[in-house]
Amino acid sequence: MEVISSLEIINRINIYALAKWFLEIFLFVYSIIAIVVIRQIKFMTITIKSDTTNMIFFFAYFHLAVVLLLTLITTIIL
């Protein structure tokens, strides 16, 4: 069995692929957070009635759409 040195392991790591996977994982987790934000806003509007509820929902869904679009674009491009 051959012992691989640390330099050989570092040379074999593809930095581009590693960055791609970290970015994809980050965007996936961030999209889950965006969904949780919408859920929290729904609970908030049950408790607190306001005139700005529709505007808050619009921005929350817009935020979710942008996050999902960015995730899709990075998946296709990268």
Foldseek 3Di string as FASTA:
>chain_A
DDDDDPVNVVVPDDVVVVVLVVVLVVLVVVLVVLVVVLVVLVVVCVVDPDPCSVVVNVVSVVVNVVSVVVSVVSVVPD
